Amino acid sequence: MTALERLWVWRVRAACELALVRRGGTGLADDAATEASWYADLLFPWDGADGEPDRRVFAWLSILVARRRLVEARSTRPDS
């Protein structure tokens, strides 16, 4: 992963975490991070040697982005 890609990952991660905290508190952000870690571990096991594989990082990030979208969609939905 290039330095620019890593910077992009950090920025997306921070944006997702902030959105989750604003919408549901730290509990929601922690839950999303736990789910993301579980997903990355399941799909791309890593023994900690060398750098973390890019596919694993992007899998982890995809869960945070999905959780952010879900929370934002629920909060912008008009009450029925």
PDB file of N, CA and C in Angstrom:
ATOM      1  N   MET A   1       0.861  -1.165   0.000  1.00  0.00           N
ATOM      2  CA  MET A   1       0.000   0.000   0.000  1.00  0.00           C
ATOM      3  C   MET A   1       0.912   1.234   0.000  1.00  0.00           C
ATOM      4  N   THR A   2       0.593   2.148  -0.855  1.00  0.00           N
ATOM      5  CA  THR A   2       1.392   3.366  -0.943  1.00  0.00           C
ATOM      6  C   THR A   2       1.073   4.304   0.224  1.00  0.00           C
ATOM      7  N   ALA A   3       1.914   5.283   0.421  1.00  0.00           N
ATOM      8  CA  ALA A   3       1.687   6.254   1.488  1.00  0.00           C
ATOM      9  C   ALA A   3       0.386   7.020   1.259  1.00  0.00           C
ATOM     10  N   LEU A   4       0.085   7.343   0.016  1.00  0.00           N
ATOM     11  CA  LEU A   4      -1.155   8.057  -0.293  1.00  0.00           C
ATOM     12  C   LEU A   4      -2.377   7.191   0.011  1.00  0.00           C
ATOM     13  N   GLU A   5      -2.305   5.914  -0.335  1.00  0.00           N
ATOM     14  CA  GLU A   5      -3.414   5.005  -0.027  1.00  0.00           C
ATOM     15  C   GLU A   5      -3.594   4.863   1.481  1.00  0.00           C
ATOM     16  N   ARG A   6      -2.498   4.767   2.207  1.00  0.00           N
ATOM     17  CA  ARG A   6      -2.580   4.642   3.664  1.00  0.00           C
ATOM     18  C   ARG A   6      -3.206   5.901   4.272  1.00  0.00           C
ATOM     19  N   LEU A   7      -2.838   7.065   3.773  1.00  0.00           N
ATOM     20  CA  LEU A   7      -3.435   8.312   4.236  1.00  0.00           C
ATOM     21  C   LEU A   7      -4.936   8.324   3.954  1.00  0.00           C
ATOM     22  N   TRP A   8      -5.318   7.862   2.785  1.00  0.00           N
ATOM     23  CA  TRP A   8      -6.727   7.784   2.421  1.00  0.00           C
ATOM     24  C   TRP A   8      -7.471   6.864   3.385  1.00  0.00           C
ATOM     25  N   VAL A   9      -6.884   5.719   3.702  1.00  0.00           N
ATOM     26  CA  VAL A   9      -7.506   4.771   4.633  1.00  0.00           C
ATOM     27  C   VAL A   9      -7.695   5.425   6.001  1.00  0.00           C
ATOM     28  N   TRP A  10      -6.673   6.107   6.492  1.00  0.00           N
ATOM     29  CA  TRP A  10      -6.791   6.771   7.800  1.00  0.00           C
ATOM     30  C   TRP A  10      -7.891   7.821   7.791  1.00  0.00           C
ATOM     31  N   ARG A  11      -7.993   8.572   6.718  1.00  0.00           N
ATOM     32  CA  ARG A  11      -9.023   9.624   6.649  1.00  0.00           C
ATOM     33  C   ARG A  11     -10.427   9.032   6.585  1.00  0.00           C
ATOM     34  N   VAL A  12     -10.605   7.990   5.799  1.00  0.00           N
ATOM     35  CA  VAL A  12     -11.920   7.338   5.705  1.00  0.00           C
ATOM     36  C   VAL A  12     -12.283   6.712   7.046  1.00  0.00           C
ATOM     37  N   ARG A  13     -11.296   6.070   7.678  1.00  0.00           N
ATOM     38  CA  ARG A  13     -11.543   5.457   8.991  1.00  0.00           C
ATOM     39  C   ARG A  13     -11.976   6.519  10.003  1.00  0.00           C
ATOM     40  N   ALA A  14     -11.273   7.626  10.049  1.00  0.00           N
ATOM     41  CA  ALA A  14     -11.606   8.695  10.992  1.00  0.00           C
ATOM     42  C   ALA A  14     -13.000   9.257  10.717  1.00  0.00           C
ATOM     43  N   ALA A  15     -13.326   9.460   9.453  1.00  0.00           N
ATOM     44  CA  ALA A  15     -14.647   9.984   9.099  1.00  0.00           C
ATOM     45  C   ALA A  15     -15.753   9.017   9.517  1.00  0.00           C
ATOM     46  N   CYS A  16     -15.531   7.740   9.297  1.00  0.00           N
ATOM     47  CA  CYS A  16     -16.524   6.730   9.679  1.00  0.00           C
ATOM     48  C   CYS A  16     -16.687   6.677  11.193  1.00  0.00           C
ATOM     49  N   GLU A  17     -15.575   6.658  11.910  1.00  0.00           N
ATOM     50  CA  GLU A  17     -15.649   6.590  13.362  1.00  0.00           C
ATOM     51  C   GLU A  17     -16.341   7.812  13.952  1.00  0.00           C
ATOM     52  N   LEU A  18     -16.037   8.988  13.427  1.00  0.00           N
ATOM     53  CA  LEU A  18     -16.703  10.202  13.908  1.00  0.00           C
ATOM     54  C   LEU A  18     -18.204  10.166  13.639  1.00  0.00           C
ATOM     55  N   ALA A  19     -18.582   9.725  12.448  1.00  0.00           N
ATOM     56  CA  ALA A  19     -20.005   9.641  12.119  1.00  0.00           C
ATOM     57  C   ALA A  19     -20.726   8.649  13.031  1.00  0.00           C
ATOM     58  N   LEU A  20     -20.086   7.529  13.309  1.00  0.00           N
ATOM     59  CA  LEU A  20     -20.705   6.529  14.184  1.00  0.00           C
ATOM     60  C   LEU A  20     -20.834   7.049  15.615  1.00  0.00           C
ATOM     61  N   VAL A  21     -19.824   7.728  16.111  1.00  0.00           N
ATOM     62  CA  VAL A  21     -19.890   8.292  17.464  1.00  0.00           C
ATOM     63  C   VAL A  21     -20.976   9.359  17.545  1.00  0.00           C
ATOM     64  N   ARG A  22     -21.072  10.205  16.539  1.00  0.00           N
ATOM     65  CA  ARG A  22     -22.095  11.269  16.546  1.00  0.00           C
ATOM     66  C   ARG A  22     -23.503  10.702  16.511  1.00  0.00           C
ATOM     67  N   ARG A  23     -23.692   9.625  15.788  1.00  0.00           N
ATOM     68  CA  ARG A  23     -25.042   9.066  15.627  1.00  0.00           C
ATOM     69  C   ARG A  23     -25.423   8.093  16.736  1.00  0.00           C
ATOM     70  N   GLY A  24     -24.428   7.392  17.300  1.00  0.00           N
ATOM     71  CA  GLY A  24     -24.787   6.364  18.270  1.00  0.00           C
ATOM     72  C   GLY A  24     -23.856   6.227  19.457  1.00  0.00           C
ATOM     73  N   GLY A  25     -22.918   7.126  19.616  1.00  0.00           N
ATOM     74  CA  GLY A  25     -22.017   7.077  20.755  1.00  0.00           C
ATOM     75  C   GLY A  25     -20.831   6.149  20.526  1.00  0.00           C
ATOM     76  N   THR A  26     -19.978   6.120  21.530  1.00  0.00           N
ATOM     77  CA  THR A  26     -18.769   5.302  21.404  1.00  0.00           C
ATOM     78  C   THR A  26     -19.088   3.816  21.352  1.00  0.00           C
ATOM     79  N   GLY A  27     -20.195   3.423  21.955  1.00  0.00           N
ATOM     80  CA  GLY A  27     -20.591   2.017  21.917  1.00  0.00           C
ATOM     81  C   GLY A  27     -20.816   1.530  20.493  1.00  0.00           C
ATOM     82  N   LEU A  28     -21.463   2.345  19.697  1.00  0.00           N
ATOM     83  CA  LEU A  28     -21.711   1.986  18.305  1.00  0.00           C
ATOM     84  C   LEU A  28     -20.404   1.920  17.521  1.00  0.00           C
ATOM     85  N   ALA A  29     -19.527   2.892  17.738  1.00  0.00           N
ATOM     86  CA  ALA A  29     -18.232   2.890  17.049  1.00  0.00           C
ATOM     87  C   ALA A  29     -17.398   1.679  17.456  1.00  0.00           C
ATOM     88  N   ASP A  30     -17.403   1.349  18.737  1.00  0.00           N
ATOM     89  CA  ASP A  30     -16.662   0.176  19.208  1.00  0.00           C
ATOM     90  C   ASP A  30     -17.231  -1.111  18.625  1.00  0.00           C
ATOM     91  N   ASP A  31     -18.561  -1.194  18.563  1.00  0.00           N
ATOM     92  CA  ASP A  31     -19.207  -2.372  17.994  1.00  0.00           C
ATOM     93  C   ASP A  31     -18.850  -2.532  16.515  1.00  0.00           C
ATOM     94  N   ALA A  32     -18.836  -1.436  15.780  1.00  0.00           N
ATOM     95  CA  ALA A  32     -18.476  -1.489  14.360  1.00  0.00           C
ATOM     96  C   ALA A  32     -17.026  -1.909  14.181  1.00  0.00           C
ATOM     97  N   ALA A  33     -16.131  -1.409  15.034  1.00  0.00           N
ATOM     98  CA  ALA A  33     -14.715  -1.797  14.951  1.00  0.00           C
ATOM     99  C   ALA A  33     -14.537  -3.277  15.275  1.00  0.00           C
ATOM    100  N   THR A  34     -15.298  -3.782  16.243  1.00  0.00           N
ATOM    101  CA  THR A  34     -15.233  -5.202  16.586  1.00  0.00           C
ATOM    102  C   THR A  34     -15.716  -6.052  15.415  1.00  0.00           C
ATOM    103  N   GLU A  35     -16.826  -5.646  14.812  1.00  0.00           N
ATOM    104  CA  GLU A  35     -17.345  -6.376  13.649  1.00  0.00           C
ATOM    105  C   GLU A  35     -16.348  -6.341  12.498  1.00  0.00           C
ATOM    106  N   ALA A  36     -15.740  -5.195  12.271  1.00  0.00           N
ATOM    107  CA  ALA A  36     -14.763  -5.062  11.190  1.00  0.00           C
ATOM    108  C   ALA A  36     -13.551  -5.955  11.431  1.00  0.00           C
ATOM    109  N   SER A  37     -13.086  -6.018  12.674  1.00  0.00           N
ATOM    110  CA  SER A  37     -11.942  -6.876  13.004  1.00  0.00           C
ATOM    111  C   SER A  37     -12.286  -8.347  12.810  1.00  0.00           C
ATOM    112  N   TRP A  38     -13.475  -8.727  13.244  1.00  0.00           N
ATOM    113  CA  TRP A  38     -13.919 -10.104  13.091  1.00  0.00           C
ATOM    114  C   TRP A  38     -13.988 -10.480  11.604  1.00  0.00           C
ATOM    115  N   TYR A  39     -14.543  -9.592  10.806  1.00  0.00           N
ATOM    116  CA  TYR A  39     -14.670  -9.820   9.368  1.00  0.00           C
ATOM    117  C   TYR A  39     -13.296  -9.961   8.706  1.00  0.00           C
ATOM    118  N   ALA A  40     -12.387  -9.069   9.037  1.00  0.00           N
ATOM    119  CA  ALA A  40     -11.034  -9.122   8.468  1.00  0.00           C
ATOM    120  C   ALA A  40     -10.315 -10.401   8.902  1.00  0.00           C
ATOM    121  N   ASP A  41     -10.468 -10.782  10.166  1.00  0.00           N
ATOM    122  CA  ASP A  41      -9.840 -12.015  10.660  1.00  0.00           C
ATOM    123  C   ASP A  41     -10.399 -13.248   9.961  1.00  0.00           C
ATOM    124  N   LEU A  42     -11.687 -13.238   9.716  1.00  0.00           N
ATOM    125  CA  LEU A  42     -12.324 -14.385   9.068  1.00  0.00           C
ATOM    126  C   LEU A  42     -11.883 -14.534   7.620  1.00  0.00           C
ATOM    127  N   LEU A  43     -11.876 -13.434   6.885  1.00  0.00           N
ATOM    128  CA  LEU A  43     -11.552 -13.505   5.460  1.00  0.00           C
ATOM    129  C   LEU A  43     -10.057 -13.522   5.164  1.00  0.00           C
ATOM    130  N   PHE A  44      -9.283 -12.792   5.958  1.00  0.00           N
ATOM    131  CA  PHE A  44      -7.845 -12.649   5.678  1.00  0.00           C
ATOM    132  C   PHE A  44      -7.035 -12.802   6.962  1.00  0.00           C
ATOM    133  N   PRO A  45      -6.904 -14.050   7.444  1.00  0.00           N
ATOM    134  CA  PRO A  45      -6.114 -14.256   8.661  1.00  0.00           C
ATOM    135  C   PRO A  45      -4.701 -13.705   8.480  1.00  0.00           C
ATOM    136  N   TRP A  46      -4.152 -13.182   9.573  1.00  0.00           N
ATOM    137  CA  TRP A  46      -2.840 -12.558   9.512  1.00  0.00           C
ATOM    138  C   TRP A  46      -2.098 -12.904  10.784  1.00  0.00           C
ATOM    139  N   ASP A  47      -0.854 -13.342  10.644  1.00  0.00           N
ATOM    140  CA  ASP A  47      -0.073 -13.764  11.806  1.00  0.00           C
ATOM    141  C   ASP A  47       0.729 -12.619  12.431  1.00  0.00           C
ATOM    142  N   GLY A  48       0.591 -11.428  11.917  1.00  0.00           N
ATOM    143  CA  GLY A  48       1.289 -10.273  12.458  1.00  0.00           C
ATOM    144  C   GLY A  48       2.675 -10.067  11.882  1.00  0.00           C
ATOM    145  N   ALA A  49       3.119 -10.994  11.048  1.00  0.00           N
ATOM    146  CA  ALA A  49       4.435 -10.859  10.425  1.00  0.00           C
ATOM    147  C   ALA A  49       4.340  -9.887   9.253  1.00  0.00           C
ATOM    148  N   ASP A  50       5.387  -9.131   9.051  1.00  0.00           N
ATOM    149  CA  ASP A  50       5.424  -8.134   7.980  1.00  0.00           C
ATOM    150  C   ASP A  50       4.293  -7.121   8.172  1.00  0.00           C
ATOM    151  N   GLY A  51       3.955  -6.427   7.094  1.00  0.00           N
ATOM    152  CA  GLY A  51       2.878  -5.447   7.152  1.00  0.00           C
ATOM    153  C   GLY A  51       1.528  -6.119   6.985  1.00  0.00           C
ATOM    154  N   GLU A  52       0.519  -5.445   7.457  1.00  0.00           N
ATOM    155  CA  GLU A  52      -0.829  -5.985   7.303  1.00  0.00           C
ATOM    156  C   GLU A  52      -1.199  -5.991   5.823  1.00  0.00           C
ATOM    157  N   PRO A  53      -1.715  -7.111   5.312  1.00  0.00           N
ATOM    158  CA  PRO A  53      -2.060  -7.192   3.888  1.00  0.00           C
ATOM    159  C   PRO A  53      -3.125  -6.157   3.496  1.00  0.00           C
ATOM    160  N   ASP A  54      -2.956  -5.591   2.313  1.00  0.00           N
ATOM    161  CA  ASP A  54      -3.891  -4.564   1.833  1.00  0.00           C
ATOM    162  C   ASP A  54      -5.324  -5.074   1.799  1.00  0.00           C
ATOM    163  N   ARG A  55      -5.513  -6.290   1.318  1.00  0.00           N
ATOM    164  CA  ARG A  55      -6.871  -6.838   1.223  1.00  0.00           C
ATOM    165  C   ARG A  55      -7.532  -6.895   2.591  1.00  0.00           C
ATOM    166  N   ARG A  56      -6.760  -7.183   3.604  1.00  0.00           N
ATOM    167  CA  ARG A  56      -7.289  -7.227   4.964  1.00  0.00           C
ATOM    168  C   ARG A  56      -7.696  -5.827   5.442  1.00  0.00           C
ATOM    169  N   VAL A  57      -6.859  -4.844   5.161  1.00  0.00           N
ATOM    170  CA  VAL A  57      -7.157  -3.461   5.548  1.00  0.00           C
ATOM    171  C   VAL A  57      -8.430  -2.988   4.863  1.00  0.00           C
ATOM    172  N   PHE A  58      -8.558  -3.262   3.575  1.00  0.00           N
ATOM    173  CA  PHE A  58      -9.739  -2.817   2.840  1.00  0.00           C
ATOM    174  C   PHE A  58     -10.995  -3.578   3.267  1.00  0.00           C
ATOM    175  N   ALA A  59     -10.852  -4.846   3.640  1.00  0.00           N
ATOM    176  CA  ALA A  59     -11.998  -5.597   4.162  1.00  0.00           C
ATOM    177  C   ALA A  59     -12.478  -4.982   5.472  1.00  0.00           C
ATOM    178  N   TRP A  60     -11.530  -4.629   6.340  1.00  0.00           N
ATOM    179  CA  TRP A  60     -11.852  -4.011   7.621  1.00  0.00           C
ATOM    180  C   TRP A  60     -12.560  -2.670   7.391  1.00  0.00           C
ATOM    181  N   LEU A  61     -12.000  -1.890   6.478  1.00  0.00           N
ATOM    182  CA  LEU A  61     -12.561  -0.575   6.189  1.00  0.00           C
ATOM    183  C   LEU A  61     -13.957  -0.681   5.566  1.00  0.00           C
ATOM    184  N   SER A  62     -14.179  -1.703   4.767  1.00  0.00           N
ATOM    185  CA  SER A  62     -15.487  -1.846   4.112  1.00  0.00           C
ATOM    186  C   SER A  62     -16.609  -2.009   5.130  1.00  0.00           C
ATOM    187  N   ILE A  63     -16.330  -2.664   6.254  1.00  0.00           N
ATOM    188  CA  ILE A  63     -17.356  -2.824   7.284  1.00  0.00           C
ATOM    189  C   ILE A  63     -17.658  -1.488   7.955  1.00  0.00           C
ATOM    190  N   LEU A  64     -16.619  -0.713   8.247  1.00  0.00           N
ATOM    191  CA  LEU A  64     -16.868   0.606   8.840  1.00  0.00           C
ATOM    192  C   LEU A  64     -17.693   1.485   7.913  1.00  0.00           C
ATOM    193  N   VAL A  65     -17.368   1.467   6.634  1.00  0.00           N
ATOM    194  CA  VAL A  65     -18.114   2.276   5.666  1.00  0.00           C
ATOM    195  C   VAL A  65     -19.567   1.796   5.585  1.00  0.00           C
ATOM    196  N   ALA A  66     -19.773   0.484   5.580  1.00  0.00           N
ATOM    197  CA  ALA A  66     -21.134  -0.058   5.514  1.00  0.00           C
ATOM    198  C   ALA A  66     -21.940   0.325   6.749  1.00  0.00           C
ATOM    199  N   ARG A  67     -21.317   0.248   7.915  1.00  0.00           N
ATOM    200  CA  ARG A  67     -22.022   0.628   9.143  1.00  0.00           C
ATOM    201  C   ARG A  67     -22.346   2.115   9.152  1.00  0.00           C
ATOM    202  N   ARG A  68     -21.432   2.937   8.649  1.00  0.00           N
ATOM    203  CA  ARG A  68     -21.689   4.382   8.579  1.00  0.00           C
ATOM    204  C   ARG A  68     -22.866   4.667   7.655  1.00  0.00           C
ATOM    205  N   ARG A  69     -22.879   4.030   6.500  1.00  0.00           N
ATOM    206  CA  ARG A  69     -23.986   4.245   5.555  1.00  0.00           C
ATOM    207  C   ARG A  69     -25.314   3.817   6.157  1.00  0.00           C
ATOM    208  N   LEU A  70     -25.309   2.698   6.859  1.00  0.00           N
ATOM    209  CA  LEU A  70     -26.537   2.205   7.477  1.00  0.00           C
ATOM    210  C   LEU A  70     -27.054   3.188   8.526  1.00  0.00           C
ATOM    211  N   VAL A  71     -26.169   3.671   9.372  1.00  0.00           N
ATOM    212  CA  VAL A  71     -26.569   4.619  10.416  1.00  0.00           C
ATOM    213  C   VAL A  71     -27.064   5.915   9.805  1.00  0.00           C
ATOM    214  N   GLU A  72     -26.375   6.413   8.785  1.00  0.00           N
ATOM    215  CA  GLU A  72     -26.809   7.658   8.155  1.00  0.00           C
ATOM    216  C   GLU A  72     -28.138   7.492   7.428  1.00  0.00           C
ATOM    217  N   ALA A  73     -28.353   6.342   6.807  1.00  0.00           N
ATOM    218  CA  ALA A  73     -29.615   6.103   6.121  1.00  0.00           C
ATOM    219  C   ALA A  73     -30.774   6.054   7.127  1.00  0.00           C
ATOM    220  N   ARG A  74     -30.530   5.444   8.259  1.00  0.00           N
ATOM    221  CA  ARG A  74     -31.581   5.357   9.290  1.00  0.00           C
ATOM    222  C   ARG A  74     -31.880   6.714   9.916  1.00  0.00           C
ATOM    223  N   SER A  75     -30.864   7.548  10.042  1.00  0.00           N
ATOM    224  CA  SER A  75     -31.076   8.845  10.686  1.00  0.00           C
ATOM    225  C   SER A  75     -31.702   9.871   9.750  1.00  0.00           C
ATOM    226  N   THR A  76     -31.598   9.668   8.441  1.00  0.00           N
ATOM    227  CA  THR A  76     -32.203  10.606   7.503  1.00  0.00           C
ATOM    228  C   THR A  76     -33.577  10.149   7.024  1.00  0.00           C
ATOM    229  N   ARG A  77     -33.980   8.969   7.431  1.00  0.00           N
ATOM    230  CA  ARG A  77     -35.281   8.429   7.043  1.00  0.00           C
ATOM    231  C   ARG A  77     -36.381   9.144   7.805  1.00  0.00           C
ATOM    232  N   PRO A  78     -37.404   9.605   7.126  1.00  0.00           N
ATOM    233  CA  PRO A  78     -38.507  10.275   7.843  1.00  0.00           C
ATOM    234  C   PRO A  78     -39.244   9.269   8.726  1.00  0.00           C
ATOM    235  N   ASP A  79     -39.704   9.739   9.872  1.00  0.00           N
ATOM    236  CA  ASP A  79     -40.459   8.878  10.780  1.00  0.00           C
ATOM    237  C   ASP A  79     -41.803   8.517  10.160  1.00  0.00           C
ATOM    238  N   SER A  80     -42.181   7.274  10.354  1.00  0.00           N
ATOM    239  CA  SER A  80     -43.459   6.821   9.810  1.00  0.00           C
ATOM    240  C   SER A  80     -44.513   6.801  10.869  1.00  0.00           C
TER     241      SER A  80
END
